[in-house]
Amino acid sequence: MGPVEYLVIEFPGNKFKGEIIPALQELTDNGTIRILDLLFVRKEADGSVSVDELSDLPPNEAAAFDVLQGDVYDLWNEADVALLADNLQPDSSAGLLVYENVWATRLRDAIVNANGRLVDNARIPAAVLEAAMKAAQGGAD
């Protein structure tokens, strides 16, 4: 299995329109990622929280996700969901996604076959990368 990551995507005003589904479909169809879990959290204006698995959604809402490939496992535990829900703004919803970086599996196999080993790995925040690139260009825009 390749590296596994998660995303929490907040939608203010509880207005998820599904625009991210085609991007997720492209990533799953071309083998870049494999979706391992998908969960939906809704926080009302009064702070009350509801949690839905994909299978809990009304059929008309769940149908939008039919195009995504992958088996969905119950990887999010109650403590994870409670912590993430606490950080949501009132009157918002979030999609919680766990996915495998399948592309990295092929790279890992190539590294192992070349008798190499990974000694470090980190995600560089976009703001840090932008600042470094700007500095490398002498501060020019």
Protein backbone atom coordinates (compact mmCIF):
# COMPACT_ATOMS: atom_id res chain seq x y z
CA MET A 1 0.00 0.00 0.00
CA GLY A 2 1.15 3.52 -0.74
CA PRO A 3 1.16 6.44 1.69
CA VAL A 4 -2.25 7.26 3.13
CA GLU A 5 -3.43 10.80 3.78
CA TYR A 6 -6.61 12.53 4.81
CA LEU A 7 -8.33 15.75 3.86
CA VAL A 8 -11.02 17.68 5.70
CA ILE A 9 -12.81 20.05 3.34
CA GLU A 10 -15.16 22.58 4.94
CA PHE A 11 -18.14 24.07 3.09
CA PRO A 12 -19.49 27.24 4.74
CA GLY A 13 -23.23 27.60 4.86
CA ASN A 14 -23.73 23.83 4.51
CA LYS A 15 -23.54 24.27 0.74
CA PHE A 16 -21.78 21.32 -0.87
CA LYS A 17 -22.47 21.41 -4.60
CA GLY A 18 -20.40 18.46 -5.79
CA GLU A 19 -17.86 20.34 -7.91
CA ILE A 20 -14.99 18.33 -6.43
CA ILE A 21 -16.43 14.98 -7.49
CA PRO A 22 -15.12 15.14 -11.10
CA ALA A 23 -11.60 15.90 -9.81
CA LEU A 24 -11.78 12.97 -7.40
CA GLN A 25 -13.13 10.76 -10.17
CA GLU A 26 -10.21 11.67 -12.45
CA LEU A 27 -7.70 10.86 -9.70
CA THR A 28 -9.32 7.49 -8.96
CA ASP A 29 -9.88 6.58 -12.62
CA ASN A 30 -6.25 7.19 -13.57
CA GLY A 31 -4.92 5.32 -10.53
CA THR A 32 -3.38 8.31 -8.79
CA ILE A 33 -5.36 7.76 -5.58
CA ARG A 34 -7.67 5.16 -4.07
CA ILE A 35 -10.41 6.36 -1.75
CA LEU A 36 -10.40 4.44 1.52
CA ASP A 37 -13.03 6.33 3.49
CA LEU A 38 -15.44 9.19 2.97
CA LEU A 39 -17.53 10.75 5.72
CA PHE A 40 -19.74 13.82 5.93
CA VAL A 41 -20.07 16.04 8.99
CA ARG A 42 -22.65 18.79 9.34
CA LYS A 43 -22.53 21.44 12.07
CA GLU A 44 -25.70 23.43 12.53
CA ALA A 45 -25.84 27.09 13.58
CA ASP A 46 -26.64 25.98 17.16
CA GLY A 47 -23.46 23.83 17.23
CA SER A 48 -25.20 20.46 16.99
CA VAL A 49 -23.36 17.95 14.81
CA SER A 50 -24.53 15.12 12.58
CA VAL A 51 -22.30 12.56 10.89
CA ASP A 52 -23.16 10.54 7.79
CA GLU A 53 -21.35 7.75 6.02
CA LEU A 54 -21.83 7.64 2.27
CA SER A 55 -24.41 4.87 2.75
CA ASP A 56 -26.41 7.12 5.13
CA LEU A 57 -26.99 9.86 2.57
CA PRO A 58 -30.31 10.14 0.77
CA PRO A 59 -30.11 8.21 -2.54
CA ASN A 60 -30.23 11.39 -4.65
CA GLU A 61 -27.19 12.83 -2.78
CA ALA A 62 -25.26 9.55 -2.61
CA ALA A 63 -25.70 8.96 -6.36
CA ALA A 64 -23.27 11.79 -7.12
CA PHE A 65 -20.50 9.71 -5.55
CA ASP A 66 -21.28 6.53 -7.55
CA VAL A 67 -18.65 7.51 -10.12
CA LEU A 68 -15.84 7.26 -7.56
CA GLN A 69 -13.93 4.02 -7.51
CA GLY A 70 -12.78 2.45 -4.29
CA ASP A 71 -13.87 0.45 -1.31
CA VAL A 72 -15.01 2.50 1.64
CA TYR A 73 -13.83 1.35 5.05
CA ASP A 74 -14.78 2.74 8.45
CA LEU A 75 -11.43 4.35 9.23
CA TRP A 76 -12.62 7.48 11.03
CA ASN A 77 -13.22 6.88 14.73
CA GLU A 78 -15.57 8.85 16.98
CA ALA A 79 -12.74 10.78 18.65
CA ASP A 80 -11.32 11.87 15.25
CA VAL A 81 -14.72 13.02 14.05
CA ALA A 82 -15.50 14.86 17.30
CA LEU A 83 -12.18 16.73 17.18
CA LEU A 84 -12.67 17.71 13.54
CA ALA A 85 -16.30 18.72 14.15
CA ASP A 86 -15.19 20.98 17.01
CA ASN A 87 -13.03 22.89 14.54
CA LEU A 88 -15.83 23.41 12.03
CA GLN A 89 -17.57 26.76 11.94
CA PRO A 90 -21.26 26.73 12.90
CA ASP A 91 -23.58 26.38 9.87
CA SER A 92 -21.02 24.49 7.81
CA SER A 93 -20.40 20.98 6.60
CA ALA A 94 -17.27 19.02 5.79
CA GLY A 95 -16.18 16.08 3.72
CA LEU A 96 -13.64 13.85 5.45
CA LEU A 97 -11.63 11.85 2.97
CA VAL A 98 -8.98 9.17 3.56
CA TYR A 99 -7.08 8.16 0.44
CA GLU A 100 -4.07 6.11 -0.61
CA ASN A 101 -1.48 7.69 -2.89
CA VAL A 102 -1.35 4.79 -5.34
CA TRP A 103 1.15 6.61 -7.56
CA ALA A 104 3.71 6.37 -4.74
CA THR A 105 3.49 2.57 -4.73
CA ARG A 106 5.03 2.42 -8.19
CA LEU A 107 7.78 4.83 -7.11
CA ARG A 108 8.43 2.84 -3.91
CA ASP A 109 8.79 -0.37 -5.92
CA ALA A 110 11.28 1.31 -8.26
CA ILE A 111 13.29 2.59 -5.29
CA VAL A 112 13.35 -0.84 -3.65
CA ASN A 113 14.33 -2.53 -6.94
CA ALA A 114 17.23 -0.07 -7.23
CA ASN A 115 18.35 -1.00 -3.68
CA GLY A 116 17.41 2.48 -2.48
CA ARG A 117 15.65 3.47 0.69
CA LEU A 118 13.57 6.48 1.65
CA VAL A 119 15.32 8.47 4.37
CA ASP A 120 12.98 11.48 4.68
CA ASN A 121 9.63 12.66 3.45
CA ALA A 122 7.54 15.76 4.22
CA ARG A 123 4.82 17.88 2.69
CA ILE A 124 5.88 21.47 2.05
CA PRO A 125 3.08 23.97 2.72
CA ALA A 126 2.12 26.01 -0.35
CA ALA A 127 2.91 29.34 1.35
CA VAL A 128 6.42 28.14 2.26
CA LEU A 129 7.06 26.92 -1.29
CA GLU A 130 5.76 30.17 -2.82
CA ALA A 131 8.03 32.23 -0.55
CA ALA A 132 11.04 30.05 -1.38
CA MET A 133 10.37 30.30 -5.12
CA LYS A 134 9.98 34.05 -4.87
CA ALA A 135 13.26 34.32 -2.93
CA ALA A 136 15.01 32.09 -5.50
CA GLN A 137 13.88 34.50 -8.22
CA GLY A 138 15.38 37.41 -6.32
CA GLY A 139 12.06 38.58 -4.94
CA ALA A 140 10.64 39.33 -8.40
CA ASP A 141 6.95 38.78 -8.99
